[in-house]
Amino acid sequence: SWVEKVAIVAFMVLFMECFAWAAHKYVMHGWGWGWHKS
């Protein structure tokens, strides 16, 4: 249903903010600093 589709999209946007926070803090400012330093 369209409700399920919208719910999945909305959930993924929220999930991605959590993922982006963790990736930024622990990867980009951690072992992945070589790329992020720029």
PDB file of all heavy atoms in Angstrom:
ATOM      1  N   SER A   1       0.842  -1.190   0.000  1.00  0.00           N
ATOM      2  CA  SER A   1       0.000   0.000   0.000  1.00  0.00           C
ATOM      3  C   SER A   1       0.882   1.247   0.000  1.00  0.00           C
ATOM      4  O   SER A   1       2.056   1.195   0.365  1.00  0.00           O
ATOM      5  CB  SER A   1      -0.914   0.007   1.231  1.00  0.00           C
ATOM      6  OG  SER A   1      -0.156   0.297   2.400  1.00  0.00           O
ATOM      7  N   TRP A   2       0.293   2.393  -0.360  1.00  0.00           N
ATOM      8  CA  TRP A   2       1.073   3.631  -0.370  1.00  0.00           C
ATOM      9  C   TRP A   2       1.506   4.015   1.035  1.00  0.00           C
ATOM     10  O   TRP A   2       2.561   4.616   1.229  1.00  0.00           O
ATOM     11  CB  TRP A   2       0.303   4.750  -1.065  1.00  0.00           C
ATOM     12  CG  TRP A   2      -0.922   5.221  -0.311  1.00  0.00           C
ATOM     13  CD1 TRP A   2      -2.187   4.738  -0.410  1.00  0.00           C
ATOM     14  CD2 TRP A   2      -0.955   6.250   0.686  1.00  0.00           C
ATOM     15  NE1 TRP A   2      -3.014   5.397   0.459  1.00  0.00           N
ATOM     16  CE2 TRP A   2      -2.283   6.342   1.146  1.00  0.00           C
ATOM     17  CE3 TRP A   2      -0.017   7.107   1.229  1.00  0.00           C
ATOM     18  CZ2 TRP A   2      -2.673   7.242   2.123  1.00  0.00           C
ATOM     19  CZ3 TRP A   2      -0.415   8.006   2.210  1.00  0.00           C
ATOM     20  CH2 TRP A   2      -1.726   8.068   2.638  1.00  0.00           C
ATOM     21  N   VAL A   3       0.727   3.645   2.051  1.00  0.00           N
ATOM     22  CA  VAL A   3       1.095   3.933   3.442  1.00  0.00           C
ATOM     23  C   VAL A   3       2.373   3.170   3.812  1.00  0.00           C
ATOM     24  O   VAL A   3       3.277   3.724   4.446  1.00  0.00           O
ATOM     25  CB  VAL A   3      -0.066   3.578   4.413  1.00  0.00           C
ATOM     26  CG1 VAL A   3       0.368   3.713   5.865  1.00  0.00           C
ATOM     27  CG2 VAL A   3      -1.278   4.442   4.134  1.00  0.00           C
ATOM     28  N   GLU A   4       2.446   1.911   3.427  1.00  0.00           N
ATOM     29  CA  GLU A   4       3.651   1.120   3.685  1.00  0.00           C
ATOM     30  C   GLU A   4       4.861   1.703   2.966  1.00  0.00           C
ATOM     31  O   GLU A   4       5.953   1.790   3.539  1.00  0.00           O
ATOM     32  CB  GLU A   4       3.438  -0.329   3.241  1.00  0.00           C
ATOM     33  CG  GLU A   4       2.434  -1.086   4.082  1.00  0.00           C
ATOM     34  CD  GLU A   4       2.066  -2.430   3.473  1.00  0.00           C
ATOM     35  OE1 GLU A   4       1.835  -2.502   2.233  1.00  0.00           O
ATOM     36  OE2 GLU A   4       2.009  -3.411   4.248  1.00  0.00           O
ATOM     37  N   LYS A   5       4.668   2.132   1.735  1.00  0.00           N
ATOM     38  CA  LYS A   5       5.764   2.717   0.954  1.00  0.00           C
ATOM     39  C   LYS A   5       6.270   4.003   1.600  1.00  0.00           C
ATOM     40  O   LYS A   5       7.483   4.189   1.758  1.00  0.00           O
ATOM     41  CB  LYS A   5       5.304   2.982  -0.479  1.00  0.00           C
ATOM     42  CG  LYS A   5       4.985   1.721  -1.251  1.00  0.00           C
ATOM     43  CD  LYS A   5       4.343   2.052  -2.584  1.00  0.00           C
ATOM     44  CE  LYS A   5       3.879   0.791  -3.295  1.00  0.00           C
ATOM     45  NZ  LYS A   5       3.165   1.076  -4.547  1.00  0.00           N
ATOM     46  N   VAL A   6       5.342   4.882   1.984  1.00  0.00           N
ATOM     47  CA  VAL A   6       5.730   6.145   2.629  1.00  0.00           C
ATOM     48  C   VAL A   6       6.408   5.858   3.970  1.00  0.00           C
ATOM     49  O   VAL A   6       7.397   6.512   4.320  1.00  0.00           O
ATOM     50  CB  VAL A   6       4.503   7.073   2.800  1.00  0.00           C
ATOM     51  CG1 VAL A   6       4.825   8.262   3.693  1.00  0.00           C
ATOM     52  CG2 VAL A   6       3.996   7.546   1.444  1.00  0.00           C
ATOM     53  N   ALA A   7       5.904   4.890   4.712  1.00  0.00           N
ATOM     54  CA  ALA A   7       6.499   4.536   6.005  1.00  0.00           C
ATOM     55  C   ALA A   7       7.932   4.038   5.824  1.00  0.00           C
ATOM     56  O   ALA A   7       8.834   4.414   6.598  1.00  0.00           O
ATOM     57  CB  ALA A   7       5.656   3.483   6.717  1.00  0.00           C
ATOM     58  N   ILE A   8       8.171   3.226   4.817  1.00  0.00           N
ATOM     59  CA  ILE A   8       9.524   2.724   4.553  1.00  0.00           C
ATOM     60  C   ILE A   8      10.452   3.878   4.195  1.00  0.00           C
ATOM     61  O   ILE A   8      11.570   3.978   4.712  1.00  0.00           O
ATOM     62  CB  ILE A   8       9.515   1.646   3.446  1.00  0.00           C
ATOM     63  CG1 ILE A   8       8.861   0.365   3.956  1.00  0.00           C
ATOM     64  CG2 ILE A   8      10.937   1.345   2.958  1.00  0.00           C
ATOM     65  CD1 ILE A   8       8.623  -0.694   2.886  1.00  0.00           C
ATOM     66  N   VAL A   9      10.002   4.754   3.321  1.00  0.00           N
ATOM     67  CA  VAL A   9      10.830   5.901   2.914  1.00  0.00           C
ATOM     68  C   VAL A   9      11.144   6.778   4.125  1.00  0.00           C
ATOM     69  O   VAL A   9      12.303   7.152   4.362  1.00  0.00           O
ATOM     70  CB  VAL A   9      10.153   6.712   1.783  1.00  0.00           C
ATOM     71  CG1 VAL A   9      10.889   8.014   1.532  1.00  0.00           C
ATOM     72  CG2 VAL A   9      10.064   5.886   0.508  1.00  0.00           C
ATOM     73  N   ALA A  10      10.132   7.111   4.927  1.00  0.00           N
ATOM     74  CA  ALA A  10      10.332   7.964   6.116  1.00  0.00           C
ATOM     75  C   ALA A  10      11.276   7.292   7.115  1.00  0.00           C
ATOM     76  O   ALA A  10      12.181   7.935   7.666  1.00  0.00           O
ATOM     77  CB  ALA A  10       9.000   8.283   6.770  1.00  0.00           C
ATOM     78  N   PHE A  11      11.076   5.990   7.348  1.00  0.00           N
ATOM     79  CA  PHE A  11      11.955   5.262   8.258  1.00  0.00           C
ATOM     80  C   PHE A  11      13.394   5.307   7.774  1.00  0.00           C
ATOM     81  O   PHE A  11      14.318   5.509   8.564  1.00  0.00           O
ATOM     82  CB  PHE A  11      11.497   3.804   8.414  1.00  0.00           C
ATOM     83  CG  PHE A  11      12.474   2.984   9.206  1.00  0.00           C
ATOM     84  CD1 PHE A  11      12.475   3.042  10.595  1.00  0.00           C
ATOM     85  CD2 PHE A  11      13.408   2.183   8.567  1.00  0.00           C
ATOM     86  CE1 PHE A  11      13.398   2.305  11.337  1.00  0.00           C
ATOM     87  CE2 PHE A  11      14.330   1.444   9.300  1.00  0.00           C
ATOM     88  CZ  PHE A  11      14.324   1.511  10.683  1.00  0.00           C
ATOM     89  N   MET A  12      13.596   5.120   6.478  1.00  0.00           N
ATOM     90  CA  MET A  12      14.955   5.110   5.942  1.00  0.00           C
ATOM     91  C   MET A  12      15.620   6.481   6.051  1.00  0.00           C
ATOM     92  O   MET A  12      16.831   6.567   6.290  1.00  0.00           O
ATOM     93  CB  MET A  12      14.967   4.603   4.494  1.00  0.00           C
ATOM     94  CG  MET A  12      14.685   3.116   4.363  1.00  0.00           C
ATOM     95  SD  MET A  12      15.703   2.047   5.425  1.00  0.00           S
ATOM     96  CE  MET A  12      17.329   2.331   4.745  1.00  0.00           C
ATOM     97  N   VAL A  13      14.851   7.550   5.883  1.00  0.00           N
ATOM     98  CA  VAL A  13      15.427   8.890   6.060  1.00  0.00           C
ATOM     99  C   VAL A  13      15.911   9.046   7.501  1.00  0.00           C
ATOM    100  O   VAL A  13      17.036   9.507   7.743  1.00  0.00           O
ATOM    101  CB  VAL A  13      14.419   9.996   5.673  1.00  0.00           C
ATOM    102  CG1 VAL A  13      14.912  11.366   6.103  1.00  0.00           C
ATOM    103  CG2 VAL A  13      14.147   9.976   4.172  1.00  0.00           C
ATOM    104  N   LEU A  14      15.096   8.635   8.473  1.00  0.00           N
ATOM    105  CA  LEU A  14      15.499   8.710   9.876  1.00  0.00           C
ATOM    106  C   LEU A  14      16.678   7.777  10.171  1.00  0.00           C
ATOM    107  O   LEU A  14      17.625   8.151  10.873  1.00  0.00           O
ATOM    108  CB  LEU A  14      14.320   8.371  10.789  1.00  0.00           C
ATOM    109  CG  LEU A  14      13.173   9.375  10.767  1.00  0.00           C
ATOM    110  CD1 LEU A  14      11.990   8.855  11.580  1.00  0.00           C
ATOM    111  CD2 LEU A  14      13.620  10.736  11.272  1.00  0.00           C
ATOM    112  N   PHE A  15      16.609   6.576   9.625  1.00  0.00           N
ATOM    113  CA  PHE A  15      17.714   5.626   9.795  1.00  0.00           C
ATOM    114  C   PHE A  15      19.012   6.199   9.246  1.00  0.00           C
ATOM    115  O   PHE A  15      20.075   6.079   9.861  1.00  0.00           O
ATOM    116  CB  PHE A  15      17.387   4.291   9.113  1.00  0.00           C
ATOM    117  CG  PHE A  15      18.574   3.368   9.042  1.00  0.00           C
ATOM    118  CD1 PHE A  15      18.933   2.603  10.146  1.00  0.00           C
ATOM    119  CD2 PHE A  15      19.355   3.296   7.891  1.00  0.00           C
ATOM    120  CE1 PHE A  15      20.044   1.769  10.096  1.00  0.00           C
ATOM    121  CE2 PHE A  15      20.467   2.465   7.841  1.00  0.00           C
ATOM    122  CZ  PHE A  15      20.808   1.696   8.945  1.00  0.00           C
ATOM    123  N   MET A  16      18.928   6.840   8.084  1.00  0.00           N
ATOM    124  CA  MET A  16      20.130   7.385   7.460  1.00  0.00           C
ATOM    125  C   MET A  16      20.748   8.514   8.277  1.00  0.00           C
ATOM    126  O   MET A  16      21.966   8.679   8.279  1.00  0.00           O
ATOM    127  CB  MET A  16      19.838   7.857   6.032  1.00  0.00           C
ATOM    128  CG  MET A  16      19.679   6.710   5.047  1.00  0.00           C
ATOM    129  SD  MET A  16      21.075   5.549   5.039  1.00  0.00           S
ATOM    130  CE  MET A  16      22.402   6.641   4.534  1.00  0.00           C
ATOM    131  N   GLU A  17      19.929   9.295   8.975  1.00  0.00           N
ATOM    132  CA  GLU A  17      20.504  10.325   9.847  1.00  0.00           C
ATOM    133  C   GLU A  17      21.303   9.664  10.972  1.00  0.00           C
ATOM    134  O   GLU A  17      22.398  10.116  11.303  1.00  0.00           O
ATOM    135  CB  GLU A  17      19.415  11.240  10.416  1.00  0.00           C
ATOM    136  CG  GLU A  17      19.926  12.263  11.400  1.00  0.00           C
ATOM    137  CD  GLU A  17      20.884  13.311  10.849  1.00  0.00           C
ATOM    138  OE1 GLU A  17      21.203  13.309   9.636  1.00  0.00           O
ATOM    139  OE2 GLU A  17      21.338  14.158  11.639  1.00  0.00           O
ATOM    140  N   CYS A  18      20.787   8.577  11.517  1.00  0.00           N
ATOM    141  CA  CYS A  18      21.522   7.841  12.559  1.00  0.00           C
ATOM    142  C   CYS A  18      22.789   7.222  11.977  1.00  0.00           C
ATOM    143  O   CYS A  18      23.868   7.293  12.584  1.00  0.00           O
ATOM    144  CB  CYS A  18      20.638   6.760  13.175  1.00  0.00           C
ATOM    145  SG  CYS A  18      19.189   7.407  14.020  1.00  0.00           S
ATOM    146  N   PHE A  19      22.659   6.612  10.810  1.00  0.00           N
ATOM    147  CA  PHE A  19      23.827   6.010  10.143  1.00  0.00           C
ATOM    148  C   PHE A  19      24.866   7.074   9.819  1.00  0.00           C
ATOM    149  O   PHE A  19      26.066   6.879  10.042  1.00  0.00           O
ATOM    150  CB  PHE A  19      23.388   5.285   8.858  1.00  0.00           C
ATOM    151  CG  PHE A  19      24.553   4.793   8.051  1.00  0.00           C
ATOM    152  CD1 PHE A  19      25.159   3.588   8.352  1.00  0.00           C
ATOM    153  CD2 PHE A  19      25.044   5.548   6.988  1.00  0.00           C
ATOM    154  CE1 PHE A  19      26.255   3.141   7.622  1.00  0.00           C
ATOM    155  CE2 PHE A  19      26.134   5.113   6.252  1.00  0.00           C
ATOM    156  CZ  PHE A  19      26.743   3.906   6.568  1.00  0.00           C
ATOM    157  N   ALA A  20      24.425   8.224   9.290  1.00  0.00           N
ATOM    158  CA  ALA A  20      25.348   9.299   8.916  1.00  0.00           C
ATOM    159  C   ALA A  20      26.085   9.826  10.148  1.00  0.00           C
ATOM    160  O   ALA A  20      27.293  10.095  10.095  1.00  0.00           O
ATOM    161  CB  ALA A  20      24.601  10.428   8.213  1.00  0.00           C
ATOM    162  N   TRP A  21      25.364   9.968  11.270  1.00  0.00           N
ATOM    163  CA  TRP A  21      26.004  10.421  12.504  1.00  0.00           C
ATOM    164  C   TRP A  21      27.113   9.452  12.911  1.00  0.00           C
ATOM    165  O   TRP A  21      28.241   9.859  13.198  1.00  0.00           O
ATOM    166  CB  TRP A  21      24.962  10.542  13.625  1.00  0.00           C
ATOM    167  CG  TRP A  21      25.574  10.912  14.943  1.00  0.00           C
ATOM    168  CD1 TRP A  21      25.822  12.161  15.408  1.00  0.00           C
ATOM    169  CD2 TRP A  21      26.041  10.000  15.954  1.00  0.00           C
ATOM    170  NE1 TRP A  21      26.402  12.098  16.656  1.00  0.00           N
ATOM    171  CE2 TRP A  21      26.561  10.780  17.001  1.00  0.00           C
ATOM    172  CE3 TRP A  21      26.075   8.612  16.066  1.00  0.00           C
ATOM    173  CZ2 TRP A  21      27.099  10.210  18.152  1.00  0.00           C
ATOM    174  CZ3 TRP A  21      26.614   8.061  17.211  1.00  0.00           C
ATOM    175  CH2 TRP A  21      27.115   8.843  18.234  1.00  0.00           C
ATOM    176  N   ALA A  22      26.797   8.159  12.927  1.00  0.00           N
ATOM    177  CA  ALA A  22      27.782   7.159  13.344  1.00  0.00           C
ATOM    178  C   ALA A  22      28.951   7.088  12.358  1.00  0.00           C
ATOM    179  O   ALA A  22      30.118   7.015  12.776  1.00  0.00           O
ATOM    180  CB  ALA A  22      27.107   5.792  13.478  1.00  0.00           C
ATOM    181  N   ALA A  23      28.651   7.105  11.065  1.00  0.00           N
ATOM    182  CA  ALA A  23      29.725   7.058  10.062  1.00  0.00           C
ATOM    183  C   ALA A  23      30.612   8.294  10.165  1.00  0.00           C
ATOM    184  O   ALA A  23      31.841   8.203  10.057  1.00  0.00           O
ATOM    185  CB  ALA A  23      29.130   6.945   8.660  1.00  0.00           C
ATOM    186  N   HIS A  24      30.011   9.454  10.380  1.00  0.00           N
ATOM    187  CA  HIS A  24      30.779  10.691  10.487  1.00  0.00           C
ATOM    188  C   HIS A  24      31.665  10.672  11.734  1.00  0.00           C
ATOM    189  O   HIS A  24      32.849  11.010  11.667  1.00  0.00           O
ATOM    190  CB  HIS A  24      29.818  11.881  10.506  1.00  0.00           C
ATOM    191  CG  HIS A  24      30.496  13.209  10.387  1.00  0.00           C
ATOM    192  ND1 HIS A  24      29.845  14.383  10.679  1.00  0.00           N
ATOM    193  CD2 HIS A  24      31.746  13.577  10.031  1.00  0.00           C
ATOM    194  CE1 HIS A  24      30.667  15.394  10.503  1.00  0.00           C
ATOM    195  NE2 HIS A  24      31.832  14.928  10.112  1.00  0.00           N
ATOM    196  N   LYS A  25      31.088  10.272  12.856  1.00  0.00           N
ATOM    197  CA  LYS A  25      31.840  10.288  14.120  1.00  0.00           C
ATOM    198  C   LYS A  25      32.910   9.197  14.190  1.00  0.00           C
ATOM    199  O   LYS A  25      34.045   9.465  14.576  1.00  0.00           O
ATOM    200  CB  LYS A  25      30.874  10.148  15.302  1.00  0.00           C
ATOM    201  CG  LYS A  25      31.557  10.225  16.662  1.00  0.00           C
ATOM    202  CD  LYS A  25      30.546  10.303  17.777  1.00  0.00           C
ATOM    203  CE  LYS A  25      31.183  10.282  19.141  1.00  0.00           C
ATOM    204  NZ  LYS A  25      31.855  11.514  19.495  1.00  0.00           N
ATOM    205  N   TYR A  26      32.552   7.968  13.808  1.00  0.00           N
ATOM    206  CA  TYR A  26      33.439   6.842  14.043  1.00  0.00           C
ATOM    207  C   TYR A  26      34.259   6.402  12.827  1.00  0.00           C
ATOM    208  O   TYR A  26      35.310   5.785  13.001  1.00  0.00           O
ATOM    209  CB  TYR A  26      32.650   5.650  14.592  1.00  0.00           C
ATOM    210  CG  TYR A  26      32.037   5.977  15.923  1.00  0.00           C
ATOM    211  CD1 TYR A  26      30.662   6.132  16.062  1.00  0.00           C
ATOM    212  CD2 TYR A  26      32.830   6.175  17.048  1.00  0.00           C
ATOM    213  CE1 TYR A  26      30.096   6.451  17.288  1.00  0.00           C
ATOM    214  CE2 TYR A  26      32.272   6.498  18.274  1.00  0.00           C
ATOM    215  CZ  TYR A  26      30.910   6.639  18.389  1.00  0.00           C
ATOM    216  OH  TYR A  26      30.354   6.964  19.602  1.00  0.00           O
ATOM    217  N   VAL A  27      33.800   6.698  11.633  1.00  0.00           N
ATOM    218  CA  VAL A  27      34.578   6.348  10.444  1.00  0.00           C
ATOM    219  C   VAL A  27      35.333   7.577   9.939  1.00  0.00           C
ATOM    220  O   VAL A  27      36.557   7.592   9.891  1.00  0.00           O
ATOM    221  CB  VAL A  27      33.679   5.750   9.329  1.00  0.00           C
ATOM    222  CG1 VAL A  27      34.494   5.499   8.065  1.00  0.00           C
ATOM    223  CG2 VAL A  27      33.022   4.465   9.807  1.00  0.00           C
ATOM    224  N   MET A  28      34.598   8.629   9.592  1.00  0.00           N
ATOM    225  CA  MET A  28      35.240   9.798   9.000  1.00  0.00           C
ATOM    226  C   MET A  28      36.182  10.500   9.978  1.00  0.00           C
ATOM    227  O   MET A  28      37.210  11.036   9.572  1.00  0.00           O
ATOM    228  CB  MET A  28      34.181  10.773   8.487  1.00  0.00           C
ATOM    229  CG  MET A  28      33.378  10.211   7.340  1.00  0.00           C
ATOM    230  SD  MET A  28      32.078  11.362   6.861  1.00  0.00           S
ATOM    231  CE  MET A  28      31.156  10.352   5.731  1.00  0.00           C
ATOM    232  N   HIS A  29      35.827  10.519  11.255  1.00  0.00           N
ATOM    233  CA  HIS A  29      36.709  11.103  12.262  1.00  0.00           C
ATOM    234  C   HIS A  29      37.478  10.017  12.994  1.00  0.00           C
ATOM    235  O   HIS A  29      38.039  10.260  14.068  1.00  0.00           O
ATOM    236  CB  HIS A  29      35.916  11.979  13.243  1.00  0.00           C
ATOM    237  CG  HIS A  29      35.593  13.306  12.677  1.00  0.00           C
ATOM    238  ND1 HIS A  29      36.329  14.429  12.938  1.00  0.00           N
ATOM    239  CD2 HIS A  29      34.619  13.682  11.798  1.00  0.00           C
ATOM    240  CE1 HIS A  29      35.817  15.463  12.273  1.00  0.00           C
ATOM    241  NE2 HIS A  29      34.779  15.026  11.579  1.00  0.00           N
ATOM    242  N   GLY A  30      37.522   8.834  12.421  1.00  0.00           N
ATOM    243  CA  GLY A  30      38.277   7.702  12.960  1.00  0.00           C
ATOM    244  C   GLY A  30      39.217   7.187  11.887  1.00  0.00           C
ATOM    245  O   GLY A  30      39.990   7.941  11.301  1.00  0.00           O
ATOM    246  N   TRP A  31      39.078   5.891  11.584  1.00  0.00           N
ATOM    247  CA  TRP A  31      39.999   5.262  10.639  1.00  0.00           C
ATOM    248  C   TRP A  31      39.867   5.794   9.209  1.00  0.00           C
ATOM    249  O   TRP A  31      40.783   5.638   8.407  1.00  0.00           O
ATOM    250  CB  TRP A  31      39.848   3.743  10.671  1.00  0.00           C
ATOM    251  CG  TRP A  31      38.460   3.231  10.370  1.00  0.00           C
ATOM    252  CD1 TRP A  31      37.484   2.943  11.271  1.00  0.00           C
ATOM    253  CD2 TRP A  31      37.901   2.952   9.084  1.00  0.00           C
ATOM    254  NE1 TRP A  31      36.350   2.510  10.624  1.00  0.00           N
ATOM    255  CE2 TRP A  31      36.580   2.486   9.276  1.00  0.00           C
ATOM    256  CE3 TRP A  31      38.391   3.037   7.789  1.00  0.00           C
ATOM    257  CZ2 TRP A  31      35.744   2.136   8.229  1.00  0.00           C
ATOM    258  CZ3 TRP A  31      37.558   2.673   6.733  1.00  0.00           C
ATOM    259  CH2 TRP A  31      36.254   2.227   6.967  1.00  0.00           C
ATOM    260  N   GLY A  32      38.764   6.471   8.866  1.00  0.00           N
ATOM    261  CA  GLY A  32      38.579   7.021   7.522  1.00  0.00           C
ATOM    262  C   GLY A  32      38.972   8.482   7.388  1.00  0.00           C
ATOM    263  O   GLY A  32      38.598   9.155   6.421  1.00  0.00           O
ATOM    264  N   TRP A  33      39.715   9.004   8.360  1.00  0.00           N
ATOM    265  CA  TRP A  33      40.111  10.414   8.369  1.00  0.00           C
ATOM    266  C   TRP A  33      40.911  10.793   7.118  1.00  0.00           C
ATOM    267  O   TRP A  33      40.870  11.935   6.665  1.00  0.00           O
ATOM    268  CB  TRP A  33      40.909  10.717   9.630  1.00  0.00           C
ATOM    269  CG  TRP A  33      41.397  12.132   9.734  1.00  0.00           C
ATOM    270  CD1 TRP A  33      42.692  12.550   9.674  1.00  0.00           C
ATOM    271  CD2 TRP A  33      40.615  13.309   9.926  1.00  0.00           C
ATOM    272  NE1 TRP A  33      42.758  13.919   9.822  1.00  0.00           N
ATOM    273  CE2 TRP A  33      41.486  14.406   9.984  1.00  0.00           C
ATOM    274  CE3 TRP A  33      39.243  13.544  10.062  1.00  0.00           C
ATOM    275  CZ2 TRP A  33      41.059  15.713  10.158  1.00  0.00           C
ATOM    276  CZ3 TRP A  33      38.806  14.854  10.231  1.00  0.00           C
ATOM    277  CH2 TRP A  33      39.710  15.917  10.283  1.00  0.00           C
ATOM    278  N   GLY A  34      41.615   9.854   6.527  1.00  0.00           N
ATOM    279  CA  GLY A  34      42.428  10.141   5.346  1.00  0.00           C
ATOM    280  C   GLY A  34      41.630  10.801   4.227  1.00  0.00           C
ATOM    281  O   GLY A  34      42.123  11.719   3.563  1.00  0.00           O
ATOM    282  N   TRP A  35      40.406  10.368   4.015  1.00  0.00           N
ATOM    283  CA  TRP A  35      39.544  10.999   3.001  1.00  0.00           C
ATOM    284  C   TRP A  35      38.868  12.234   3.567  1.00  0.00           C
ATOM    285  O   TRP A  35      38.766  13.260   2.915  1.00  0.00           O
ATOM    286  CB  TRP A  35      38.459  10.036   2.531  1.00  0.00           C
ATOM    287  CG  TRP A  35      38.911   8.948   1.613  1.00  0.00           C
ATOM    288  CD1 TRP A  35      40.184   8.685   1.187  1.00  0.00           C
ATOM    289  CD2 TRP A  35      38.067   7.964   1.022  1.00  0.00           C
ATOM    290  NE1 TRP A  35      40.177   7.594   0.370  1.00  0.00           N
ATOM    291  CE2 TRP A  35      38.903   7.133   0.245  1.00  0.00           C
ATOM    292  CE3 TRP A  35      36.713   7.697   1.081  1.00  0.00           C
ATOM    293  CZ2 TRP A  35      38.394   6.057  -0.482  1.00  0.00           C
ATOM    294  CZ3 TRP A  35      36.209   6.626   0.363  1.00  0.00           C
ATOM    295  CH2 TRP A  35      37.051   5.820  -0.417  1.00  0.00           C
ATOM    296  N   HIS A  36      38.364  12.140   4.791  1.00  0.00           N
ATOM    297  CA  HIS A  36      37.545  13.218   5.356  1.00  0.00           C
ATOM    298  C   HIS A  36      38.370  14.458   5.703  1.00  0.00           C
ATOM    299  O   HIS A  36      37.847  15.577   5.716  1.00  0.00           O
ATOM    300  CB  HIS A  36      36.803  12.714   6.595  1.00  0.00           C
ATOM    301  CG  HIS A  36      35.765  13.645   7.117  1.00  0.00           C
ATOM    302  ND1 HIS A  36      34.671  14.043   6.374  1.00  0.00           N
ATOM    303  CD2 HIS A  36      35.651  14.280   8.320  1.00  0.00           C
ATOM    304  CE1 HIS A  36      33.923  14.868   7.084  1.00  0.00           C
ATOM    305  NE2 HIS A  36      34.503  15.035   8.272  1.00  0.00           N
ATOM    306  N   LYS A  37      39.649  14.281   5.955  1.00  0.00           N
ATOM    307  CA  LYS A  37      40.531  15.397   6.314  1.00  0.00           C
ATOM    308  C   LYS A  37      40.417  16.530   5.298  1.00  0.00           C
ATOM    309  O   LYS A  37      40.433  17.701   5.662  1.00  0.00           O
ATOM    310  CB  LYS A  37      41.969  14.894   6.411  1.00  0.00           C
ATOM    311  CG  LYS A  37      42.969  15.943   6.799  1.00  0.00           C
ATOM    312  CD  LYS A  37      44.362  15.334   6.878  1.00  0.00           C
ATOM    313  CE  LYS A  37      45.370  16.397   7.246  1.00  0.00           C
ATOM    314  NZ  LYS A  37      46.727  15.852   7.259  1.00  0.00           N
ATOM    315  N   SER A  38      40.277  16.192   4.029  1.00  0.00           N
ATOM    316  CA  SER A  38      40.187  17.209   2.970  1.00  0.00           C
ATOM    317  C   SER A  38      38.996  18.136   3.181  1.00  0.00           C
ATOM    318  O   SER A  38      39.021  19.290   2.756  1.00  0.00           O
ATOM    319  CB  SER A  38      40.089  16.541   1.595  1.00  0.00           C
ATOM    320  OG  SER A  38      38.842  15.866   1.463  1.00  0.00           O
TER     321      SER A  38
END
